[in-house]
Structures are given as structure tokens and as C-alpha cells.
Protein backbone atom coordinates (compact mmCIF):
# COMPACT_ATOMS: atom_id res chain seq x y z
CA MET A 1 17.01 -25.84 4.40
CA THR A 2 19.96 -26.56 2.12
CA GLY A 3 20.23 -28.56 -1.06
CA THR A 4 17.31 -29.44 -3.28
CA GLN A 5 13.93 -30.97 -2.60
CA PRO A 6 12.24 -32.64 -5.60
CA THR A 7 9.14 -30.71 -6.63
CA GLY A 8 8.67 -32.40 -9.99
CA THR A 9 10.35 -33.69 -13.11
CA TYR A 10 10.67 -32.64 -16.73
CA GLU A 11 9.46 -34.93 -19.51
CA THR A 12 9.77 -34.62 -23.28
CA LEU A 13 6.43 -35.15 -25.04
CA PRO A 14 5.13 -34.68 -28.60
CA TRP A 15 2.92 -31.69 -29.33
CA PHE A 16 0.58 -31.54 -32.32
CA SER A 17 -0.80 -28.31 -33.71
CA GLN A 18 -4.55 -28.25 -34.37
CA PHE A 19 -4.09 -25.85 -37.27
CA ASP A 20 -0.68 -26.36 -38.91
CA PRO A 21 1.14 -29.73 -38.91
CA ARG A 22 4.35 -27.86 -39.66
CA ARG A 23 4.20 -26.56 -36.07
CA ASN A 24 4.31 -30.09 -34.60
CA CYS A 25 7.23 -30.45 -32.23
CA GLU A 26 8.54 -32.00 -29.05
CA ILE A 27 8.04 -30.06 -25.83
CA ARG A 28 9.70 -30.23 -22.42
CA VAL A 29 6.86 -30.23 -19.89
CA PHE A 30 7.13 -30.03 -16.12
CA ILE A 31 5.26 -32.66 -14.10
CA PRO A 32 4.80 -31.43 -10.50
CA ALA A 33 5.26 -33.90 -7.67
CA PRO A 34 2.50 -34.33 -5.07
CA LEU A 35 2.74 -31.84 -2.20
CA ARG A 36 4.43 -33.77 0.56
CA GLY A 37 6.49 -31.86 3.14
CA PRO A 38 8.40 -30.90 5.00
CA PHE A 39 8.49 -27.42 3.47
CA ASN A 40 10.97 -25.24 5.25
CA ILE A 41 12.33 -21.74 4.86
CA GLY A 42 15.90 -20.51 4.61
CA ASP A 43 15.43 -17.28 6.57
CA ILE A 44 13.39 -18.29 9.60
CA GLU A 45 13.93 -14.89 11.26
CA ALA A 46 12.36 -13.14 8.27
CA LEU A 47 9.32 -15.45 8.57
CA ILE A 48 8.95 -14.66 12.27
CA ASP A 49 9.27 -10.93 11.54
CA VAL A 50 6.63 -10.94 8.80
CA GLU A 51 4.25 -13.00 10.96
CA GLN A 52 4.51 -10.30 13.62
CA ARG A 53 4.23 -7.50 11.08
CA LEU A 54 1.14 -9.10 9.59
CA ALA A 55 -0.40 -9.30 13.07
CA ASP A 56 0.44 -5.63 13.67
CA VAL A 57 -1.11 -4.61 10.36
CA ASN A 58 -4.33 -6.42 11.22
CA ALA A 59 -4.46 -4.77 14.63
CA ASP A 60 -4.07 -1.24 13.20
CA PRO A 61 -7.45 0.58 13.22
CA ASP A 62 -6.30 3.01 10.50
CA LEU A 63 -5.55 0.08 8.21
CA ALA A 64 -8.90 -1.50 9.01
CA ARG A 65 -10.52 1.73 7.85
CA ILE A 66 -8.91 1.43 4.41
CA GLY A 67 -9.26 -2.35 4.15
CA PRO A 68 -11.61 -2.12 1.14
CA ILE A 69 -9.15 0.17 -0.65
CA LEU A 70 -6.31 -2.32 -0.09
CA THR A 71 -8.53 -5.13 -1.37
CA ARG A 72 -9.32 -3.14 -4.52
CA SER A 73 -5.62 -2.33 -4.96
CA GLU A 74 -4.81 -6.04 -4.90
CA GLY A 75 -7.48 -6.85 -7.48
CA ILE A 76 -6.40 -4.01 -9.77
CA ALA A 77 -2.67 -4.75 -9.57
CA SER A 78 -3.22 -8.50 -9.97
CA SER A 79 -4.97 -7.78 -13.27
CA ARG A 80 -2.18 -5.41 -14.31
CA ILE A 81 0.35 -8.22 -13.91
CA GLU A 82 -1.65 -10.16 -16.51
CA GLY A 83 -1.65 -7.26 -18.98
CA LEU A 84 -5.01 -5.65 -18.08
CA VAL A 85 -3.69 -2.15 -17.55
CA MET A 86 -5.97 0.85 -17.12
CA SER A 87 -6.33 3.78 -14.77
CA THR A 88 -7.66 3.32 -11.26
CA ARG A 89 -10.36 5.94 -11.92
CA ARG A 90 -11.68 3.92 -14.86
CA ILE A 91 -11.91 0.78 -12.75
CA TYR A 92 -13.60 2.58 -9.86
CA GLU A 93 -16.06 4.04 -12.34
CA ALA A 94 -16.99 0.59 -13.64
CA SER A 95 -17.23 -0.70 -10.07
CA GLN A 96 -19.23 2.11 -8.49
CA ARG A 97 -21.38 3.13 -11.46
CA PRO A 98 -22.08 -0.10 -13.39
CA GLU A 99 -25.56 1.10 -14.33
CA ASP A 100 -24.10 4.25 -15.92
CA THR A 101 -21.15 2.85 -17.87
CA ASP A 102 -20.51 0.23 -20.54
CA ASP A 103 -16.86 -0.77 -20.06
CA ARG A 104 -16.34 -4.52 -20.40
CA PRO A 105 -12.53 -4.52 -19.99
CA ALA A 106 -12.86 -2.58 -16.75
CA ARG A 107 -15.61 -4.91 -15.53
CA GLN A 108 -13.22 -7.83 -15.95
CA ILE A 109 -10.93 -6.19 -13.42
CA VAL A 110 -13.94 -5.45 -11.22
CA GLY A 111 -14.61 -9.19 -11.32
CA ASN A 112 -11.12 -9.77 -9.93
CA MET A 113 -11.79 -7.20 -7.19
CA ASP A 114 -15.03 -9.04 -6.33
CA VAL A 115 -13.14 -12.32 -6.04
CA MET A 116 -10.73 -10.69 -3.60
CA THR A 117 -13.64 -9.47 -1.47
CA GLN A 118 -15.13 -12.96 -1.51
CA VAL A 119 -11.98 -14.86 -0.54
CA LEU A 120 -11.34 -12.52 2.39
CA ARG A 121 -14.59 -13.54 4.05
CA ARG A 122 -13.15 -15.95 6.56
CA THR A 123 -14.75 -19.36 6.42
CA ASP A 124 -14.25 -22.71 8.09
CA GLN A 125 -15.53 -24.46 4.97
CA PRO A 126 -12.81 -26.36 3.05
CA LEU A 127 -11.78 -25.10 -0.35
CA THR A 128 -13.32 -27.00 -3.27
CA HIS A 129 -12.78 -27.21 -7.00
CA ASP A 130 -16.12 -25.42 -7.40
CA ASP A 131 -14.75 -22.46 -5.41
CA LEU A 132 -11.86 -22.11 -7.83
CA HIS A 133 -14.18 -22.40 -10.83
CA GLN A 134 -16.49 -19.76 -9.36
CA TRP A 135 -13.54 -17.36 -8.96
CA HIS A 136 -12.49 -18.08 -12.51
CA ARG A 137 -15.94 -17.29 -13.88
CA ALA A 138 -16.02 -14.00 -11.96
CA VAL A 139 -12.69 -13.00 -13.49
CA MET A 140 -13.27 -14.22 -17.04
CA GLU A 141 -17.01 -13.92 -17.80
CA PRO A 142 -16.99 -10.11 -18.28
CA GLU A 143 -15.03 -10.96 -21.45
CA PRO A 144 -17.88 -12.71 -23.36
CA THR A 145 -15.88 -13.17 -26.55
CA SER A 146 -13.05 -14.97 -24.75
CA ARG A 147 -11.58 -17.92 -26.60
CA HIS A 148 -10.70 -19.49 -23.26
CA THR A 149 -12.62 -22.12 -21.33
CA ILE A 150 -14.34 -20.38 -18.42
CA GLY A 151 -15.06 -21.98 -15.05
CA ALA A 152 -13.40 -25.33 -15.86
CA TYR A 153 -9.91 -26.76 -15.93
CA ARG A 154 -8.17 -26.75 -19.29
CA THR A 155 -8.38 -29.65 -21.71
CA VAL A 156 -5.55 -28.42 -23.97
CA GLN A 157 -1.85 -27.86 -23.54
CA ASN A 158 -0.83 -24.31 -22.61
CA TRP A 159 2.51 -22.61 -22.16
CA ILE A 160 4.13 -19.44 -20.86
CA GLY A 161 6.21 -17.16 -23.05
CA GLY A 162 7.33 -17.60 -26.64
CA ARG A 163 4.93 -17.61 -29.59
CA ALA A 164 1.15 -17.83 -29.43
CA ASP A 165 0.92 -20.58 -32.08
CA THR A 166 3.53 -23.03 -30.76
CA PRO A 167 5.10 -24.00 -27.43
CA ALA A 168 8.49 -24.36 -29.11
CA GLY A 169 10.77 -21.90 -27.37
CA ALA A 170 8.33 -21.26 -24.51
CA ALA A 171 9.80 -20.18 -21.18
CA PHE A 172 7.77 -22.80 -19.30
CA VAL A 173 5.39 -25.59 -20.31
CA PRO A 174 2.99 -26.82 -17.57
CA PRO A 175 1.84 -30.45 -17.30
CA PRO A 176 -0.42 -31.94 -20.00
CA PRO A 177 -4.18 -31.57 -19.46
CA ASP A 178 -4.85 -35.20 -18.63
CA LEU A 179 -2.88 -34.79 -15.39
CA ILE A 180 -4.78 -31.70 -14.22
CA PRO A 181 -7.60 -33.45 -12.25
CA GLU A 182 -5.19 -35.51 -10.15
CA LEU A 183 -2.78 -32.63 -9.57
CA MET A 184 -5.59 -30.28 -8.56
CA ASP A 185 -7.07 -32.88 -6.21
CA ASP A 186 -3.70 -32.96 -4.46
CA LEU A 187 -3.44 -29.17 -4.34
CA VAL A 188 -6.95 -28.74 -2.91
CA ARG A 189 -6.13 -31.35 -0.26
CA PHE A 190 -2.94 -29.48 0.64
CA THR A 191 -4.75 -26.14 0.77
CA ASN A 192 -7.17 -27.51 3.37
CA GLU A 193 -4.44 -28.80 5.71
CA ARG A 194 -3.70 -27.05 9.01
CA THR A 195 -0.17 -28.22 9.82
CA LEU A 196 2.16 -25.69 8.15
CA SER A 197 2.69 -22.03 8.92
CA PRO A 198 -0.11 -20.22 7.02
CA ILE A 199 2.44 -18.08 5.20
CA ILE A 200 4.50 -21.06 4.05
CA GLN A 201 1.33 -22.95 3.11
CA ALA A 202 0.16 -19.98 1.02
CA ALA A 203 3.57 -19.69 -0.65
CA ILE A 204 3.76 -23.38 -1.60
CA ALA A 205 0.12 -23.58 -2.73
CA HIS A 206 0.57 -20.53 -4.94
CA ALA A 207 3.76 -21.88 -6.52
CA GLN A 208 2.16 -25.27 -7.16
CA PHE A 209 -0.97 -23.67 -8.65
CA GLU A 210 1.08 -21.51 -11.03
CA THR A 211 3.17 -24.56 -11.95
CA ILE A 212 0.08 -26.64 -12.75
CA HIS A 213 -1.48 -23.67 -14.60
CA PRO A 214 -4.86 -25.43 -14.57
CA TYR A 215 -6.83 -22.86 -16.61
CA THR A 216 -6.25 -21.70 -20.15
CA ASP A 217 -6.11 -18.10 -18.87
CA GLY A 218 -6.49 -16.22 -15.59
CA ASN A 219 -4.11 -18.48 -13.63
CA GLY A 220 -2.12 -15.63 -12.10
CA ARG A 221 -5.19 -13.89 -10.74
CA ILE A 222 -6.72 -17.09 -9.34
CA GLY A 223 -3.36 -18.18 -7.90
CA ARG A 224 -2.97 -14.91 -6.02
CA ALA A 225 -6.56 -15.12 -4.77
CA LEU A 226 -5.65 -18.56 -3.42
CA VAL A 227 -2.94 -16.94 -1.29
CA TYR A 228 -5.52 -14.75 0.43
CA ARG A 229 -8.00 -17.59 0.85
CA ILE A 230 -5.38 -19.54 2.82
CA LEU A 231 -4.19 -16.57 4.90
CA SER A 232 -7.77 -15.59 5.70
CA THR A 233 -9.00 -19.08 6.51
CA ARG A 234 -5.98 -19.72 8.74
CA GLY A 235 -6.49 -16.42 10.57
CA ALA A 236 -3.22 -14.83 9.45
CA ILE A 237 -5.22 -11.91 8.06
CA ARG A 238 -8.46 -10.63 9.50
CA MET A 239 -9.55 -7.05 8.80
CA THR A 240 -6.73 -6.07 6.47
CA ALA A 241 -5.12 -7.85 3.50
CA PRO A 242 -1.77 -6.30 2.53
CA PRO A 243 -1.74 -6.30 -1.30
CA ILE A 244 1.10 -8.35 -2.77
CA SER A 245 0.30 -7.66 -6.44
CA PRO A 246 1.46 -4.00 -6.44
CA ILE A 247 4.82 -5.26 -5.20
CA ILE A 248 5.02 -7.98 -7.86
CA ALA A 249 3.78 -5.67 -10.61
CA ARG A 250 6.50 -3.15 -9.91
CA ASP A 251 9.31 -5.69 -10.49
CA ARG A 252 8.35 -9.19 -11.59
CA ARG A 253 11.90 -10.54 -11.74
CA PRO A 254 12.23 -11.72 -8.11
CA TYR A 255 8.79 -13.34 -8.36
CA ILE A 256 9.67 -15.21 -11.56
CA ILE A 257 13.11 -16.20 -10.26
CA GLY A 258 11.48 -17.50 -7.07
CA LEU A 259 8.93 -19.62 -8.93
CA THR A 260 11.69 -20.98 -11.16
CA ALA A 261 13.69 -21.94 -8.06
CA TYR A 262 10.64 -23.76 -6.72
CA ARG A 263 10.41 -25.84 -9.89
CA ASP A 264 14.14 -26.48 -9.73
CA GLY A 265 13.76 -28.19 -6.37
CA GLN A 266 14.41 -25.20 -4.10
CA PRO A 267 11.05 -24.46 -2.45
CA SER A 268 12.80 -22.72 0.45
CA THR A 269 14.22 -20.14 -1.97
CA TRP A 270 10.72 -19.43 -3.25
CA ALA A 271 9.38 -19.29 0.32
CA ASP A 272 12.02 -16.67 1.19
CA THR A 273 10.98 -14.65 -1.88
CA PHE A 274 7.32 -14.86 -0.93
CA VAL A 275 8.05 -13.75 2.65
CA HIS A 276 9.93 -10.73 1.30
CA ILE A 277 7.02 -9.85 -1.03
CA LEU A 278 4.53 -10.14 1.84
CA ASP A 279 6.74 -8.00 4.09
CA SER A 280 6.92 -5.32 1.38
CA ALA A 281 3.13 -5.50 1.04
CA CYS A 282 2.76 -4.80 4.76
CA GLY A 283 5.06 -1.79 4.41
CA TYR A 284 3.12 -0.53 1.39
CA SER A 285 -0.14 -0.83 3.35
CA LEU A 286 1.25 1.27 6.20
CA PHE A 287 2.62 3.92 3.85
CA LEU A 288 -0.64 4.08 1.90
CA ALA A 289 -2.70 4.37 5.09
CA ALA A 290 -0.55 7.28 6.28
CA SER A 291 -0.81 9.02 2.90
CA LEU A 292 -4.59 8.57 2.80
CA ALA A 293 -4.86 9.98 6.32
CA ASP A 294 -2.86 13.02 5.20
CA LEU A 295 -5.12 13.43 2.18
CA SER A 296 -8.25 13.25 4.34
CA ARG A 297 -6.83 15.89 6.69
CA SER A 298 -6.04 18.09 3.72
CA TRP A 299 -9.61 17.78 2.42
CA ASN A 300 -11.03 18.62 5.85
CA GLY A 301 -8.78 21.65 6.08
CA ARG A 302 -10.08 22.95 2.78
CA VAL A 303 -13.69 22.98 4.02
CA ASN A 304 -12.99 24.58 7.38
CA ASP A 305 -14.72 27.76 6.22
CA VAL A 306 -17.93 25.89 5.31
CA ARG A 307 -20.60 25.72 8.03
CA ARG A 308 -20.37 22.49 9.99
CA ASN A 309 -23.88 21.27 9.19
CA ALA A 310 -23.41 21.62 5.43
CA VAL A 311 -23.51 18.46 3.34
CA ASP A 312 -19.98 19.27 2.10
CA HIS A 313 -18.47 17.73 5.24
CA ARG A 314 -20.44 14.50 4.85
CA ILE A 315 -19.35 14.22 1.22
CA VAL A 316 -15.70 14.68 2.20
CA ALA A 317 -16.02 12.11 5.00
CA GLY A 318 -17.15 9.48 2.48
CA LEU A 319 -14.84 10.30 -0.43
CA LEU A 320 -12.38 7.49 0.27
CA ASP A 321 -15.19 4.98 -0.16
CA HIS A 322 -17.16 6.84 -2.86
CA PRO A 323 -14.73 8.91 -4.93
CA ILE A 324 -17.03 9.33 -7.98
CA LEU A 325 -20.21 11.36 -7.45
CA ASP A 326 -22.93 13.39 -9.14
CA ALA A 327 -25.65 15.66 -7.77
CA LYS A 328 -28.37 13.00 -7.96
CA LEU A 329 -26.30 10.45 -6.05
CA VAL A 330 -25.37 12.98 -3.34
CA ALA A 331 -29.00 14.06 -3.00
CA GLU A 332 -30.18 10.46 -2.56
CA GLN A 333 -27.35 9.48 -0.20
CA PHE A 334 -27.59 12.46 2.15
CA GLY A 335 -31.25 13.45 1.85
CA VAL A 336 -30.76 16.89 0.33
CA SER A 337 -32.14 18.53 -2.81
CA THR A 338 -30.28 18.12 -6.09
CA VAL A 339 -29.70 21.88 -6.08
CA ALA A 340 -28.04 21.71 -2.65
CA ALA A 341 -26.03 18.68 -3.77
CA ARG A 342 -24.83 20.45 -6.91
CA ASP A 343 -23.89 23.56 -4.92
CA ALA A 344 -21.86 21.43 -2.49
CA LEU A 345 -20.03 19.65 -5.30
CA ASP A 346 -19.26 22.99 -6.93
CA ARG A 347 -17.80 24.29 -3.66
CA LEU A 348 -15.64 21.17 -3.31
CA ALA A 349 -14.49 21.58 -6.91
CA GLN A 350 -13.50 25.19 -6.21
CA ARG A 351 -11.31 23.91 -3.36
CA GLY A 352 -9.68 21.24 -5.52
CA ILE A 353 -11.18 18.36 -3.55
CA VAL A 354 -13.11 17.01 -6.53
CA VAL A 355 -12.79 17.59 -10.26
CA GLU A 356 -15.73 17.69 -12.68
CA ARG A 357 -15.26 15.67 -15.85
CA PRO A 358 -17.22 13.72 -18.49
CA LEU A 359 -18.29 10.19 -17.63
CA ARG A 360 -16.10 7.68 -19.47
CA LYS A 361 -18.00 5.25 -21.72
CA GLY A 362 -21.29 6.58 -20.35
CA ARG A 363 -24.56 4.89 -21.24
CA ARG A 364 -27.11 6.92 -23.15
CA GLY A 365 -29.56 8.67 -20.86
CA ARG A 366 -27.29 8.46 -17.81
CA PRO A 367 -25.46 11.41 -16.13
CA ALA A 368 -23.08 12.97 -18.64
CA ARG A 369 -20.68 14.40 -16.07
CA VAL A 370 -19.40 13.35 -12.66
CA PHE A 371 -17.21 14.71 -9.87
CA GLU A 372 -14.19 12.65 -8.87
CA ALA A 373 -11.58 12.76 -6.10
CA SER A 374 -8.68 12.87 -8.55
CA GLU A 375 -6.05 13.24 -5.80
CA LEU A 376 -7.13 9.87 -4.44
CA PHE A 377 -6.73 8.19 -7.82
CA ASP A 378 -3.32 9.77 -8.31
CA LEU A 379 -2.25 8.37 -4.94
CA LEU A 380 -3.57 4.88 -5.65
CA ASP A 381 -1.81 4.82 -9.04
CA GLN A 382 1.52 5.73 -7.47
CA ASP A 383 4.44 3.30 -7.63
CA PRO A 384 4.84 1.56 -4.23
CA GLN A 385 8.54 2.41 -4.03
CA VAL A 386 7.92 6.07 -4.87
CA LEU A 387 5.19 6.19 -2.24
CA ALA A 388 7.51 4.65 0.35
CA ALA A 389 10.25 7.17 -0.44
CA GLN A 390 7.81 10.06 -0.13
CA ARG A 391 6.46 8.80 3.19
CA GLN A 392 9.94 8.30 4.60
CA SER A 393 10.87 11.82 3.52
CA THR A 394 7.71 13.23 5.10
CA GLU A 395 8.37 11.41 8.36
CA ALA A 396 12.00 12.54 8.39
CA ASP A 397 10.88 16.16 7.90
CA ALA A 398 8.41 15.80 10.76
CA ASP A 399 11.13 14.39 13.04
CA THR A 400 13.44 17.33 12.33
CA GLY A 401 10.64 19.88 12.61
CA SER A 402 10.97 21.05 9.01
CA VAL A 403 8.02 22.15 6.94
């Protein structure tokens, strides 16, 4: 598609500070137009290619095996985009040992991971406002002192960029709050349609959601969850959801430029950007799956000298899903004594498969130390582009027979 397609208009409105009349000013707000197609794409071949690649990813049994890891990666990286940055090991700890730890910031990211798991459960039920509010509560409620409205659309003006106390100089000012109900009604209607390509529908719905910015906070995380709800409901993803947030988090400029183009009447430019992000996410998923398979083989090789019926092998087989352990947990999970469990963990530590360390933010009376698969966390924290370069180098070495 060439030229521009109106996606909204800018209006100049007065803004009044609740705290300091000297901050009163005029603001240039964007009023999105209702979502009425057609919505096309500039690079149709790229869309066809990513549709096929997405189908291939979902048919790959190795990727299905690590589906939960990819889902967690999306939830973690989506939170990082919004400034919630912490190590993967800390987040896994809060997720897998909530009874042992007291880490509210990490639990907020766990809430985002839970939302991702929920939206990927394919459903024929139409999306509702209540669904969005439920996701928002899951993301925001672990922060009990939040000044933001939780589980409801905003009733105040918000803005993106600039100062915290005034929208003057903001990079973008969404529509005023009185327009939110009508705009969100239109977006929910559009989300439940079945006429567009699922990928284009997800792209446009996400851009419109971020443009409306219906919540006081958490819009980015809910908007990206909306992408997966559409792709899952429409059948574009089944067992595996390629994570787009690690791609966006690495370099936000194309994402921001694409959303700006959407608001400037060029939805096809944004759609092309989204297709490229999704294609990169598919590539990242394949590279990560190959690296995790290599790591699993390495772990298995390091316990070759341990008798086959030892619990060590069962621990290693489950490390990708349960990378933080202690003797009590191993004993309960595999039906062995705590002494046998501790001996197995010590043997794995001697081989560098797990590392013993103190429990972060541990609750009083809970296990003081745990064993973690630190190599897994290092891999999951790796920059997607670095990971891709390493995989390509590994594959090139394999093709030439080098070691």
C-alpha cells in the first residue's frame, strides 16, 4: 500500500495540573480513528514467509519441548522493556519457590509470565474488557503500593516521555480519558473479527492499543499479551510462541519508529516492522532451542560415569523445567532420601551442572541454600543477536568439520 491511511487526528486541548497551577498548559493529544480496514502490508512476500516460518516453528517438536521457556522469556523481556530489569535467575526463583522467597518486584514479572501462559491457552471465547482487566491485575497487583489504577481503564490523562509532572514536552500524548470506553469498545470488536490475516490483525490491534494507552501503567505488557491472544485464538501459534519482546528490548528504535508511522497514517509501515520483529522472534526461538539442546547434551555427557539408575540422571533430565533445587525438593520429587538427594546434588555441582548458592531474599525458616543450573540462566540472559551469531558460528564449524 502506498500513501497514507488516516489512523487518527491530533487535537490541542487544555491540561490542568492537580498539584501546581503553574504547570497548566495546552497539550497536543492524538485521537485514534475507529479501526476500519482495509489494512494492507507493503512487503507481502515477507508476510507470506513469516506465516510459513511461524507454521514451521509450531511444528518443530524440539521447540514444543521448550515452549514454557519461550513463554517465560517473553514475559521477562516484556517487563524489561518497561524498566523492570532483573536477572533471569531471580525471576525463576520467585516463580518456582514463591513459598521460600519474599521478592515483590520479581513477583510482578512473574505475574506477566502468568498472563502469557493464560493468553496462550487457545479459546474460542471472544475477548472482553474483563479479560484485559484481569491481565492488568495479574501484572500490577504484586506492586501493592502502586499509585496506578489497577484492573480498570484510566480516568486521568497520561503521556509518554518528558517530565513526570507535566505532559508539556512529552513524546506522545494519548487520547483523553473520556474517550477510552468508546475507543476500547472498538478495539475489542476488532480483536474478535476473523477477516484479516492473524499477523496483520495482531499488528494493528497492538498499535491501536498502545496508541489508546488505556491504563495508567502496564500498557506495553498488556499490549504485547494482546498480540499473543490474537495469534493463539486465530491458530497462528499452537504449541510454541516465539517471543517478540527480547527482539524489541534489544533495540527499541524500529519498534518506536513503526508505531509512530502507524499514528502518522502509515499502518503498512508498522505492519512491515511487526512482521520483521516476528520473523526475528522465530529465528531467536530456533537458535535458543538448538543452544538448549546442546546444553542438555553437555549435562548428560558429564554424568556418563554415574550409574544409570542414579537419581542424578532424573535431575538432569528435568533441569530445563526446574533449574532451582534443594535436597528436600529432590527427595520429594523423585522419592529418594534427603541424604541421597544431597549426595546427587553435590555430584552435579562437582561436574559444574549446578552451582550451590544462598537463596536470594529467603523467608525465615525456609532453605538457606539452593542449587541452580547457572549455565541455563546465562544462556537465557544472552542477547538475541549474540546468541544468533554464536549459533551460526557453531553450525558453520560443524559444516566444515572443525572442532
